[in-house]
Amino acid sequence: MTEQKYDPNKGYVALLGWSLNAVEAADKFDRRYVVVAPDWAEEYCEKHNIPYVPWNFERLNDRSIEIAQTLKDMGVDVAIPLFEETVEWAGAINSVLMNNPRLLGQAMLLRDKALMKRRAQLGGIRVGIFEEAHDKEDVIRFLKRVNQTLLKLDGDPNDPIHLKAFDKAGCLGHRVIRTPDDVDAIPDEEFPALMESHLDGWEFAVEAWIHNGKIRFLNISEYVTLGYSVFVPATPDLEKYRAQITAEIEKLIKTFDIDFGFVHPEYFVTSDGTMYFSNQVVRPLAGRPEITAAAALGLVNIWSWE
């Protein structure tokens, strides 16, 4: 890395987790940063002159507050999570750094798909039918109830339901359930989990950068399956919904009380233009647009896998 030259009038950020892309992006800007990562990153950081604080994110105990206090004593202004597994850590740390306990609750909310959907409903955002499952019987009951609601007759194929882990990124822990026999394959350790009805329509994702509760940049991406799901730029057929999508993101910002950061919600749009919210991840990036852009430049490859 280059010798770090930073503007002392700009904020000091902590990157939670290890990503060389993120480090290289942060290094290009004149803002002070420090990497918070496990012990195995220490040798590389020392060799390449990368500011570094060791921390084991898998350790949860009464000493967990130490990392927040350490960063506060260093003068750090905000912590940026690089992966799903560090979102709660960022919420906890930022609640200390910014003296705002609500940030921890927000981080926890946005890591729990069931709580997230309930909050969306409270804000008037359209979602599918969903419930929490605590065992296999709950899944069978939900499958039957959803198809009864859809007025299925005997002999009609079931509409599938989806079983998802509460707090795993992307498709990890995602199962499609079509018959009661599919339920037998679910290991007991995957419970509790989220169950939701199948949403027909065109699935797409949005990446929006927010500052002071306002959208500063909004990108729309389509999903293309090439052996695995990847993002591609929106085609004109999807871009025509930009005004409607922007309105949905503004509703999301209001519903989830998002002041700053990067949001990555997913939606389905039906043939008649109705939009359904699927889920979202939020990255509480630093509170100024240039840092949000800097992090985005380095992290776009990471976030595209969530």
C-alpha atoms as a PDB file:
ATOM      1  CA  MET A   1       0.000   0.000   0.000  1.00  0.00           C
ATOM      2  CA  THR A   2       1.068   3.591  -0.480  1.00  0.00           C
ATOM      3  CA  GLU A   3       2.115   5.650   2.494  1.00  0.00           C
ATOM      4  CA  GLN A   4      -1.177   6.867   3.854  1.00  0.00           C
ATOM      5  CA  LYS A   5      -1.700  10.580   3.400  1.00  0.00           C
ATOM      6  CA  TYR A   6      -5.001  11.719   4.767  1.00  0.00           C
ATOM      7  CA  ASP A   7      -6.928  14.903   5.371  1.00  0.00           C
ATOM      8  CA  PRO A   8      -7.226  15.355   9.162  1.00  0.00           C
ATOM      9  CA  ASN A   9     -10.480  17.240   8.626  1.00  0.00           C
ATOM     10  CA  LYS A  10     -12.159  14.141   7.216  1.00  0.00           C
ATOM     11  CA  GLY A  11     -13.528  11.207   9.172  1.00  0.00           C
ATOM     12  CA  TYR A  12     -11.710   8.060  10.241  1.00  0.00           C
ATOM     13  CA  VAL A  13     -13.257   4.729   9.171  1.00  0.00           C
ATOM     14  CA  ALA A  14     -12.825   1.119  10.289  1.00  0.00           C
ATOM     15  CA  LEU A  15     -13.321  -1.709   7.784  1.00  0.00           C
ATOM     16  CA  LEU A  16     -14.735  -4.781   9.563  1.00  0.00           C
ATOM     17  CA  GLY A  17     -13.554  -7.982   7.919  1.00  0.00           C
ATOM     18  CA  TRP A  18     -10.951  -8.646   5.267  1.00  0.00           C
ATOM     19  CA  SER A  19     -11.210  -7.666   1.598  1.00  0.00           C
ATOM     20  CA  LEU A  20      -8.187  -6.563  -0.395  1.00  0.00           C
ATOM     21  CA  ASN A  21     -10.515  -4.784  -2.844  1.00  0.00           C
ATOM     22  CA  ALA A  22     -11.921  -2.717   0.010  1.00  0.00           C
ATOM     23  CA  VAL A  23      -8.466  -1.897   1.363  1.00  0.00           C
ATOM     24  CA  GLU A  24      -7.194  -0.827  -2.059  1.00  0.00           C
ATOM     25  CA  ALA A  25     -10.262   1.370  -2.589  1.00  0.00           C
ATOM     26  CA  ALA A  26      -9.899   3.028   0.817  1.00  0.00           C
ATOM     27  CA  ASP A  27      -6.178   3.546   0.188  1.00  0.00           C
ATOM     28  CA  LYS A  28      -6.920   5.651  -2.905  1.00  0.00           C
ATOM     29  CA  PHE A  29      -8.741   8.299  -0.892  1.00  0.00           C
ATOM     30  CA  ASP A  30      -7.447  10.900   1.520  1.00  0.00           C
ATOM     31  CA  ARG A  31      -9.388   9.569   4.476  1.00  0.00           C
ATOM     32  CA  ARG A  32      -7.819   7.705   7.355  1.00  0.00           C
ATOM     33  CA  TYR A  33      -8.826   4.050   7.710  1.00  0.00           C
ATOM     34  CA  VAL A  34      -8.016   0.958   9.744  1.00  0.00           C
ATOM     35  CA  VAL A  35      -8.714  -2.704   8.988  1.00  0.00           C
ATOM     36  CA  VAL A  36     -10.277  -4.792  11.768  1.00  0.00           C
ATOM     37  CA  ALA A  37      -9.709  -8.450  10.911  1.00  0.00           C
ATOM     38  CA  PRO A  38      -8.759 -11.827  12.448  1.00  0.00           C
ATOM     39  CA  ASP A  39      -5.191 -12.631  13.496  1.00  0.00           C
ATOM     40  CA  TRP A  40      -4.356 -14.341  10.221  1.00  0.00           C
ATOM     41  CA  ALA A  41      -4.441 -10.964   8.424  1.00  0.00           C
ATOM     42  CA  GLU A  42      -1.798  -9.427  10.681  1.00  0.00           C
ATOM     43  CA  GLU A  43       1.300 -10.626   8.785  1.00  0.00           C
ATOM     44  CA  TYR A  44      -0.036  -9.355   5.442  1.00  0.00           C
ATOM     45  CA  CYS A  45      -1.047  -6.003   6.912  1.00  0.00           C
ATOM     46  CA  GLU A  46       2.343  -5.474   8.534  1.00  0.00           C
ATOM     47  CA  LYS A  47       4.175  -6.461   5.332  1.00  0.00           C
ATOM     48  CA  HIS A  48       2.144  -4.047   3.204  1.00  0.00           C
ATOM     49  CA  ASN A  49       1.870  -1.190   5.714  1.00  0.00           C
ATOM     50  CA  ILE A  50      -1.898  -1.533   6.172  1.00  0.00           C
ATOM     51  CA  PRO A  51      -3.334  -0.015   9.391  1.00  0.00           C
ATOM     52  CA  TYR A  52      -4.646  -2.980  11.347  1.00  0.00           C
ATOM     53  CA  VAL A  53      -6.398  -3.975  14.575  1.00  0.00           C
ATOM     54  CA  PRO A  54      -6.770  -7.721  15.321  1.00  0.00           C
ATOM     55  CA  TRP A  55     -10.188  -9.035  16.302  1.00  0.00           C
ATOM     56  CA  ASN A  56     -11.934 -12.415  16.378  1.00  0.00           C
ATOM     57  CA  PHE A  57     -15.501 -11.821  15.174  1.00  0.00           C
ATOM     58  CA  GLU A  58     -16.535 -15.345  16.163  1.00  0.00           C
ATOM     59  CA  ARG A  59     -15.907 -14.578  19.824  1.00  0.00           C
ATOM     60  CA  LEU A  60     -19.010 -13.326  21.595  1.00  0.00           C
ATOM     61  CA  ASN A  61     -18.737 -12.635  25.314  1.00  0.00           C
ATOM     62  CA  ASP A  62     -18.614  -9.872  27.906  1.00  0.00           C
ATOM     63  CA  ARG A  63     -15.373  -8.561  26.370  1.00  0.00           C
ATOM     64  CA  SER A  64     -16.953  -7.839  22.984  1.00  0.00           C
ATOM     65  CA  ILE A  65     -17.337  -4.169  23.949  1.00  0.00           C
ATOM     66  CA  GLU A  66     -13.542  -3.881  23.907  1.00  0.00           C
ATOM     67  CA  ILE A  67     -13.313  -3.452  20.128  1.00  0.00           C
ATOM     68  CA  ALA A  68     -15.779  -0.569  20.207  1.00  0.00           C
ATOM     69  CA  GLN A  69     -13.854   1.125  22.980  1.00  0.00           C
ATOM     70  CA  THR A  70     -10.531   0.524  21.205  1.00  0.00           C
ATOM     71  CA  LEU A  71     -11.778   2.118  17.996  1.00  0.00           C
ATOM     72  CA  LYS A  72     -13.345   4.993  19.917  1.00  0.00           C
ATOM     73  CA  ASP A  73     -10.042   5.661  21.712  1.00  0.00           C
ATOM     74  CA  MET A  74      -8.289   5.672  18.311  1.00  0.00           C
ATOM     75  CA  GLY A  75     -10.676   8.381  17.107  1.00  0.00           C
ATOM     76  CA  VAL A  76     -12.571   6.222  14.601  1.00  0.00           C
ATOM     77  CA  ASP A  77     -15.838   7.824  13.471  1.00  0.00           C
ATOM     78  CA  VAL A  78     -17.667   4.927  11.812  1.00  0.00           C
ATOM     79  CA  ALA A  79     -17.327   1.167  11.281  1.00  0.00           C
ATOM     80  CA  ILE A  80     -18.114  -0.339   7.863  1.00  0.00           C
ATOM     81  CA  PRO A  81     -19.088  -4.038   7.671  1.00  0.00           C
ATOM     82  CA  LEU A  82     -17.659  -5.834   4.654  1.00  0.00           C
ATOM     83  CA  PHE A  83     -19.610  -9.065   5.067  1.00  0.00           C
ATOM     84  CA  GLU A  84     -22.945 -10.267   6.450  1.00  0.00           C
ATOM     85  CA  GLU A  85     -21.142 -11.722   9.446  1.00  0.00           C
ATOM     86  CA  THR A  86     -19.898  -8.297  10.554  1.00  0.00           C
ATOM     87  CA  VAL A  87     -23.158  -6.365  10.178  1.00  0.00           C
ATOM     88  CA  GLU A  88     -24.180  -6.806  13.824  1.00  0.00           C
ATOM     89  CA  TRP A  89     -20.648  -5.939  14.916  1.00  0.00           C
ATOM     90  CA  ALA A  90     -20.838  -2.704  12.939  1.00  0.00           C
ATOM     91  CA  GLY A  91     -24.197  -1.874  14.476  1.00  0.00           C
ATOM     92  CA  ALA A  92     -22.861  -2.474  17.984  1.00  0.00           C
ATOM     93  CA  ILE A  93     -19.640  -0.534  17.360  1.00  0.00           C
ATOM     94  CA  ASN A  94     -21.371   2.384  15.656  1.00  0.00           C
ATOM     95  CA  SER A  95     -23.888   2.627  18.482  1.00  0.00           C
ATOM     96  CA  VAL A  96     -20.897   3.369  20.727  1.00  0.00           C
ATOM     97  CA  LEU A  97     -18.964   5.556  18.282  1.00  0.00           C
ATOM     98  CA  MET A  98     -22.009   7.662  17.418  1.00  0.00           C
ATOM     99  CA  ASN A  99     -23.701   7.413  20.811  1.00  0.00           C
ATOM    100  CA  ASN A 100     -26.826   6.078  19.131  1.00  0.00           C
ATOM    101  CA  PRO A 101     -28.073   2.761  20.636  1.00  0.00           C
ATOM    102  CA  ARG A 102     -30.738   2.470  17.926  1.00  0.00           C
ATOM    103  CA  LEU A 103     -28.063   1.556  15.353  1.00  0.00           C
ATOM    104  CA  LEU A 104     -27.560  -1.846  16.966  1.00  0.00           C
ATOM    105  CA  GLY A 105     -31.281  -2.604  16.788  1.00  0.00           C
ATOM    106  CA  GLN A 106     -31.348  -1.532  13.151  1.00  0.00           C
ATOM    107  CA  ALA A 107     -28.429  -3.831  12.320  1.00  0.00           C
ATOM    108  CA  MET A 108     -30.156  -6.749  14.033  1.00  0.00           C
ATOM    109  CA  LEU A 109     -33.417  -5.977  12.237  1.00  0.00           C
ATOM    110  CA  LEU A 110     -31.754  -5.993   8.836  1.00  0.00           C
ATOM    111  CA  ARG A 111     -30.085  -9.346   9.516  1.00  0.00           C
ATOM    112  CA  ASP A 112     -33.343 -11.131  10.372  1.00  0.00           C
ATOM    113  CA  LYS A 113     -35.435 -11.776   7.265  1.00  0.00           C
ATOM    114  CA  ALA A 114     -38.642 -12.338   9.253  1.00  0.00           C
ATOM    115  CA  LEU A 115     -38.316  -9.141  11.296  1.00  0.00           C
ATOM    116  CA  MET A 116     -37.352  -7.288   8.136  1.00  0.00           C
ATOM    117  CA  LYS A 117     -40.525  -8.338   6.344  1.00  0.00           C
ATOM    118  CA  ARG A 118     -42.682  -7.434   9.343  1.00  0.00           C
ATOM    119  CA  ARG A 119     -41.153  -3.961   9.417  1.00  0.00           C
ATOM    120  CA  ALA A 120     -41.767  -3.656   5.674  1.00  0.00           C
ATOM    121  CA  GLN A 121     -45.423  -4.574   6.179  1.00  0.00           C
ATOM    122  CA  LEU A 122     -45.781  -1.955   8.900  1.00  0.00           C
ATOM    123  CA  GLY A 123     -44.496   0.601   6.396  1.00  0.00           C
ATOM    124  CA  GLY A 124     -47.070  -0.357   3.790  1.00  0.00           C
ATOM    125  CA  ILE A 125     -44.583  -2.185   1.551  1.00  0.00           C
ATOM    126  CA  ARG A 126     -46.068  -5.058  -0.420  1.00  0.00           C
ATOM    127  CA  VAL A 127     -44.595  -8.467   0.494  1.00  0.00           C
ATOM    128  CA  GLY A 128     -45.689 -12.075   0.056  1.00  0.00           C
ATOM    129  CA  ILE A 129     -47.196 -14.307   2.740  1.00  0.00           C
ATOM    130  CA  PHE A 130     -44.642 -15.362   5.339  1.00  0.00           C
ATOM    131  CA  GLU A 131     -44.312 -17.026   8.731  1.00  0.00           C
ATOM    132  CA  GLU A 132     -41.583 -18.388  10.971  1.00  0.00           C
ATOM    133  CA  ALA A 133     -41.077 -22.154  11.085  1.00  0.00           C
ATOM    134  CA  HIS A 134     -39.872 -23.857  14.247  1.00  0.00           C
ATOM    135  CA  ASP A 135     -40.145 -27.439  13.017  1.00  0.00           C
ATOM    136  CA  LYS A 136     -41.115 -29.557  10.012  1.00  0.00           C
ATOM    137  CA  GLU A 137     -44.784 -29.596  10.976  1.00  0.00           C
ATOM    138  CA  ASP A 138     -44.868 -25.810  10.655  1.00  0.00           C
ATOM    139  CA  VAL A 139     -43.555 -26.089   7.081  1.00  0.00           C
ATOM    140  CA  ILE A 140     -46.146 -28.675   6.044  1.00  0.00           C
ATOM    141  CA  ARG A 141     -48.913 -26.608   7.626  1.00  0.00           C
ATOM    142  CA  PHE A 142     -47.759 -23.443   5.828  1.00  0.00           C
ATOM    143  CA  LEU A 143     -47.487 -25.244   2.463  1.00  0.00           C
ATOM    144  CA  LYS A 144     -51.073 -26.477   2.801  1.00  0.00           C
ATOM    145  CA  ARG A 145     -52.376 -23.105   4.000  1.00  0.00           C
ATOM    146  CA  VAL A 146     -50.782 -21.155   1.141  1.00  0.00           C
ATOM    147  CA  ASN A 147     -52.191 -23.517  -1.485  1.00  0.00           C
ATOM    148  CA  GLN A 148     -55.596 -23.506   0.183  1.00  0.00           C
ATOM    149  CA  THR A 149     -55.527 -19.717  -0.049  1.00  0.00           C
ATOM    150  CA  LEU A 150     -54.770 -20.030  -3.770  1.00  0.00           C
ATOM    151  CA  LEU A 151     -57.918 -22.208  -4.151  1.00  0.00           C
ATOM    152  CA  LYS A 152     -56.015 -25.246  -5.354  1.00  0.00           C
ATOM    153  CA  LEU A 153     -58.154 -28.306  -6.122  1.00  0.00           C
ATOM    154  CA  ASP A 154     -57.277 -31.939  -5.456  1.00  0.00           C
ATOM    155  CA  GLY A 155     -54.802 -33.039  -8.096  1.00  0.00           C
ATOM    156  CA  ASP A 156     -53.564 -29.528  -8.869  1.00  0.00           C
ATOM    157  CA  PRO A 157     -49.799 -29.118  -8.465  1.00  0.00           C
ATOM    158  CA  ASN A 158     -48.850 -27.108  -5.416  1.00  0.00           C
ATOM    159  CA  ASP A 159     -47.461 -23.613  -5.693  1.00  0.00           C
ATOM    160  CA  PRO A 160     -44.026 -23.846  -4.067  1.00  0.00           C
ATOM    161  CA  ILE A 161     -43.035 -22.117  -0.863  1.00  0.00           C
ATOM    162  CA  HIS A 162     -39.559 -20.981   0.092  1.00  0.00           C
ATOM    163  CA  LEU A 163     -37.689 -21.822   3.270  1.00  0.00           C
ATOM    164  CA  LYS A 164     -34.876 -19.403   4.126  1.00  0.00           C
ATOM    165  CA  ALA A 165     -32.406 -18.993   6.932  1.00  0.00           C
ATOM    166  CA  PHE A 166     -33.070 -15.890   9.022  1.00  0.00           C
ATOM    167  CA  ASP A 167     -29.592 -14.427   8.794  1.00  0.00           C
ATOM    168  CA  LYS A 168     -27.573 -16.036   6.001  1.00  0.00           C
ATOM    169  CA  ALA A 169     -26.455 -14.158   2.913  1.00  0.00           C
ATOM    170  CA  GLY A 170     -28.065 -14.705  -0.455  1.00  0.00           C
ATOM    171  CA  CYS A 171     -29.256 -18.218  -1.248  1.00  0.00           C
ATOM    172  CA  LEU A 172     -27.455 -19.934   1.642  1.00  0.00           C
ATOM    173  CA  GLY A 173     -30.004 -22.036   3.503  1.00  0.00           C
ATOM    174  CA  HIS A 174     -32.629 -21.436   0.789  1.00  0.00           C
ATOM    175  CA  ARG A 175     -34.891 -24.383  -0.052  1.00  0.00           C
ATOM    176  CA  VAL A 176     -37.851 -24.627  -2.440  1.00  0.00           C
ATOM    177  CA  ILE A 177     -40.630 -26.797  -0.991  1.00  0.00           C
ATOM    178  CA  ARG A 178     -43.275 -28.221  -3.328  1.00  0.00           C
ATOM    179  CA  THR A 179     -44.584 -31.281  -1.499  1.00  0.00           C
ATOM    180  CA  PRO A 180     -44.643 -32.592   2.079  1.00  0.00           C
ATOM    181  CA  ASP A 181     -42.013 -35.133   0.991  1.00  0.00           C
ATOM    182  CA  ASP A 182     -39.556 -32.257   0.388  1.00  0.00           C
ATOM    183  CA  VAL A 183     -39.856 -31.348   4.054  1.00  0.00           C
ATOM    184  CA  ASP A 184     -38.307 -34.649   5.160  1.00  0.00           C
ATOM    185  CA  ALA A 185     -34.954 -33.552   3.719  1.00  0.00           C
ATOM    186  CA  ILE A 186     -34.714 -30.493   6.003  1.00  0.00           C
ATOM    187  CA  PRO A 187     -32.212 -31.069   8.855  1.00  0.00           C
ATOM    188  CA  ASP A 188     -33.493 -30.148  12.303  1.00  0.00           C
ATOM    189  CA  GLU A 189     -30.571 -27.744  12.806  1.00  0.00           C
ATOM    190  CA  GLU A 190     -31.927 -25.443  10.063  1.00  0.00           C
ATOM    191  CA  PHE A 191     -34.809 -24.409  12.315  1.00  0.00           C
ATOM    192  CA  PRO A 192     -36.048 -21.832  13.125  1.00  0.00           C
ATOM    193  CA  ALA A 193     -36.354 -20.425   9.617  1.00  0.00           C
ATOM    194  CA  LEU A 194     -38.470 -18.133   7.469  1.00  0.00           C
ATOM    195  CA  MET A 195     -41.217 -19.510   5.218  1.00  0.00           C
ATOM    196  CA  GLU A 196     -42.658 -17.411   2.420  1.00  0.00           C
ATOM    197  CA  SER A 197     -44.944 -17.811  -0.541  1.00  0.00           C
ATOM    198  CA  HIS A 198     -43.566 -17.892  -4.069  1.00  0.00           C
ATOM    199  CA  LEU A 199     -43.532 -14.560  -5.888  1.00  0.00           C
ATOM    200  CA  ASP A 200     -44.061 -14.683  -9.634  1.00  0.00           C
ATOM    201  CA  GLY A 201     -42.548 -11.950 -11.722  1.00  0.00           C
ATOM    202  CA  TRP A 202     -39.278 -10.450 -12.846  1.00  0.00           C
ATOM    203  CA  GLU A 203     -36.668 -10.415 -10.089  1.00  0.00           C
ATOM    204  CA  PHE A 204     -34.209  -7.549  -9.934  1.00  0.00           C
ATOM    205  CA  ALA A 205     -31.945  -5.822  -7.452  1.00  0.00           C
ATOM    206  CA  VAL A 206     -31.262  -2.205  -6.574  1.00  0.00           C
ATOM    207  CA  GLU A 207     -28.088  -0.670  -5.203  1.00  0.00           C
ATOM    208  CA  ALA A 208     -28.746   2.730  -3.672  1.00  0.00           C
ATOM    209  CA  TRP A 209     -26.378   5.046  -1.831  1.00  0.00           C
ATOM    210  CA  ILE A 210     -28.049   7.160   0.828  1.00  0.00           C
ATOM    211  CA  HIS A 211     -26.886  10.268   2.692  1.00  0.00           C
ATOM    212  CA  ASN A 212     -29.000  12.301   5.100  1.00  0.00           C
ATOM    213  CA  GLY A 213     -31.965  10.095   4.269  1.00  0.00           C
ATOM    214  CA  LYS A 214     -31.840  10.950   0.548  1.00  0.00           C
ATOM    215  CA  ILE A 215     -30.926   8.814  -2.458  1.00  0.00           C
ATOM    216  CA  ARG A 216     -27.640  10.083  -3.905  1.00  0.00           C
ATOM    217  CA  PHE A 217     -27.166   7.349  -6.506  1.00  0.00           C
ATOM    218  CA  LEU A 218     -29.390   4.486  -7.619  1.00  0.00           C
ATOM    219  CA  ASN A 219     -28.379   1.539  -9.777  1.00  0.00           C
ATOM    220  CA  ILE A 220     -30.724  -1.176 -11.086  1.00  0.00           C
ATOM    221  CA  SER A 221     -29.437  -4.679 -11.830  1.00  0.00           C
ATOM    222  CA  GLU A 222     -30.982  -7.722 -13.443  1.00  0.00           C
ATOM    223  CA  TYR A 223     -30.294 -11.334 -12.526  1.00  0.00           C
ATOM    224  CA  VAL A 224     -28.869 -13.624 -15.171  1.00  0.00           C
ATOM    225  CA  THR A 225     -28.186 -17.307 -14.510  1.00  0.00           C
ATOM    226  CA  LEU A 226     -24.922 -18.587 -15.995  1.00  0.00           C
ATOM    227  CA  GLY A 227     -24.548 -21.698 -13.916  1.00  0.00           C
ATOM    228  CA  TYR A 228     -24.954 -19.333 -10.968  1.00  0.00           C
ATOM    229  CA  SER A 229     -26.812 -16.056 -10.491  1.00  0.00           C
ATOM    230  CA  VAL A 230     -24.992 -12.867 -11.454  1.00  0.00           C
ATOM    231  CA  PHE A 231     -25.918  -9.211 -11.842  1.00  0.00           C
ATOM    232  CA  VAL A 232     -25.942  -7.407 -15.183  1.00  0.00           C
ATOM    233  CA  PRO A 233     -26.931  -3.810 -15.973  1.00  0.00           C
ATOM    234  CA  ALA A 234     -30.651  -3.229 -16.380  1.00  0.00           C
ATOM    235  CA  THR A 235     -32.095  -3.492 -19.878  1.00  0.00           C
ATOM    236  CA  PRO A 236     -34.387  -0.745 -21.223  1.00  0.00           C
ATOM    237  CA  ASP A 237     -37.397  -2.949 -20.368  1.00  0.00           C
ATOM    238  CA  LEU A 238     -36.439  -2.749 -16.683  1.00  0.00           C
ATOM    239  CA  GLU A 239     -35.110   0.822 -16.756  1.00  0.00           C
ATOM    240  CA  LYS A 240     -38.588   2.053 -17.679  1.00  0.00           C
ATOM    241  CA  TYR A 241     -39.593   1.299 -14.069  1.00  0.00           C
ATOM    242  CA  ARG A 242     -36.897   3.603 -12.628  1.00  0.00           C
ATOM    243  CA  ALA A 243     -39.345   6.241 -11.331  1.00  0.00           C
ATOM    244  CA  GLN A 244     -41.470   3.552  -9.648  1.00  0.00           C
ATOM    245  CA  ILE A 245     -38.384   1.855  -8.248  1.00  0.00           C
ATOM    246  CA  THR A 246     -37.104   5.162  -6.867  1.00  0.00           C
ATOM    247  CA  ALA A 247     -40.427   5.671  -5.090  1.00  0.00           C
ATOM    248  CA  GLU A 248     -40.136   2.175  -3.567  1.00  0.00           C
ATOM    249  CA  ILE A 249     -36.622   2.914  -2.302  1.00  0.00           C
ATOM    250  CA  GLU A 250     -37.813   6.177  -0.752  1.00  0.00           C
ATOM    251  CA  LYS A 251     -40.545   4.207   1.023  1.00  0.00           C
ATOM    252  CA  LEU A 252     -37.885   1.751   2.196  1.00  0.00           C
ATOM    253  CA  ILE A 253     -35.704   4.557   3.595  1.00  0.00           C
ATOM    254  CA  LYS A 254     -38.643   5.968   5.537  1.00  0.00           C
ATOM    255  CA  THR A 255     -39.853   2.589   6.802  1.00  0.00           C
ATOM    256  CA  PHE A 256     -36.436   1.441   8.049  1.00  0.00           C
ATOM    257  CA  ASP A 257     -35.256   4.864   9.289  1.00  0.00           C
ATOM    258  CA  ILE A 258     -32.118   4.765   7.127  1.00  0.00           C
ATOM    259  CA  ASP A 259     -30.069   7.940   7.432  1.00  0.00           C
ATOM    260  CA  PHE A 260     -26.949   6.925   5.533  1.00  0.00           C
ATOM    261  CA  GLY A 261     -25.351   3.912   3.903  1.00  0.00           C
ATOM    262  CA  PHE A 262     -25.691   1.487   1.033  1.00  0.00           C
ATOM    263  CA  VAL A 263     -28.890  -0.520   0.543  1.00  0.00           C
ATOM    264  CA  HIS A 264     -29.257  -3.566  -1.665  1.00  0.00           C
ATOM    265  CA  PRO A 265     -32.954  -4.571  -1.794  1.00  0.00           C
ATOM    266  CA  GLU A 266     -34.429  -7.151  -4.122  1.00  0.00           C
ATOM    267  CA  TYR A 267     -37.856  -6.899  -5.729  1.00  0.00           C
ATOM    268  CA  PHE A 268     -40.214  -8.742  -8.046  1.00  0.00           C
ATOM    269  CA  VAL A 269     -42.240  -6.824 -10.621  1.00  0.00           C
ATOM    270  CA  THR A 270     -45.307  -8.518 -12.100  1.00  0.00           C
ATOM    271  CA  SER A 271     -46.654  -8.177 -15.635  1.00  0.00           C
ATOM    272  CA  ASP A 272     -49.041  -5.427 -14.500  1.00  0.00           C
ATOM    273  CA  GLY A 273     -46.214  -3.397 -12.891  1.00  0.00           C
ATOM    274  CA  THR A 274     -46.937  -4.342  -9.262  1.00  0.00           C
ATOM    275  CA  MET A 275     -43.762  -4.497  -7.159  1.00  0.00           C
ATOM    276  CA  TYR A 276     -43.156  -6.877  -4.284  1.00  0.00           C
ATOM    277  CA  PHE A 277     -40.346  -6.410  -1.788  1.00  0.00           C
ATOM    278  CA  SER A 278     -38.226  -9.538  -1.266  1.00  0.00           C
ATOM    279  CA  ASN A 279     -35.447  -8.591   1.172  1.00  0.00           C
ATOM    280  CA  GLN A 280     -32.547  -6.219   1.587  1.00  0.00           C
ATOM    281  CA  VAL A 281     -29.119  -5.811   3.062  1.00  0.00           C
ATOM    282  CA  VAL A 282     -27.817  -2.510   4.360  1.00  0.00           C
ATOM    283  CA  ARG A 283     -24.264  -1.370   4.783  1.00  0.00           C
ATOM    284  CA  PRO A 284     -23.935   1.564   7.197  1.00  0.00           C
ATOM    285  CA  LEU A 285     -21.112   3.234   5.330  1.00  0.00           C
ATOM    286  CA  ALA A 286     -19.511   6.496   6.311  1.00  0.00           C
ATOM    287  CA  GLY A 287     -21.761   9.509   6.334  1.00  0.00           C
ATOM    288  CA  ARG A 288     -20.273  11.324   3.335  1.00  0.00           C
ATOM    289  CA  PRO A 289     -20.843  10.470  -0.340  1.00  0.00           C
ATOM    290  CA  GLU A 290     -17.178  10.249  -1.350  1.00  0.00           C
ATOM    291  CA  ILE A 291     -16.503   7.509   1.191  1.00  0.00           C
ATOM    292  CA  THR A 292     -19.638   5.663   0.163  1.00  0.00           C
ATOM    293  CA  ALA A 293     -18.396   5.770  -3.431  1.00  0.00           C
ATOM    294  CA  ALA A 294     -14.905   4.697  -2.402  1.00  0.00           C
ATOM    295  CA  ALA A 295     -16.159   1.689  -0.525  1.00  0.00           C
ATOM    296  CA  ALA A 296     -18.540   0.808  -3.331  1.00  0.00           C
ATOM    297  CA  LEU A 297     -15.699   0.785  -5.856  1.00  0.00           C
ATOM    298  CA  GLY A 298     -13.877  -1.768  -3.782  1.00  0.00           C
ATOM    299  CA  LEU A 299     -16.809  -3.840  -2.592  1.00  0.00           C
ATOM    300  CA  VAL A 300     -19.018  -4.246  -5.625  1.00  0.00           C
ATOM    301  CA  ASN A 301     -17.653  -7.740  -6.276  1.00  0.00           C
ATOM    302  CA  ILE A 302     -18.316  -8.821  -2.706  1.00  0.00           C
ATOM    303  CA  TRP A 303     -21.855  -7.475  -2.524  1.00  0.00           C
ATOM    304  CA  SER A 304     -22.806  -9.049  -5.826  1.00  0.00           C
ATOM    305  CA  TRP A 305     -22.664 -12.463  -4.163  1.00  0.00           C
ATOM    306  CA  GLU A 306     -25.240 -11.670  -1.457  1.00  0.00           C
END
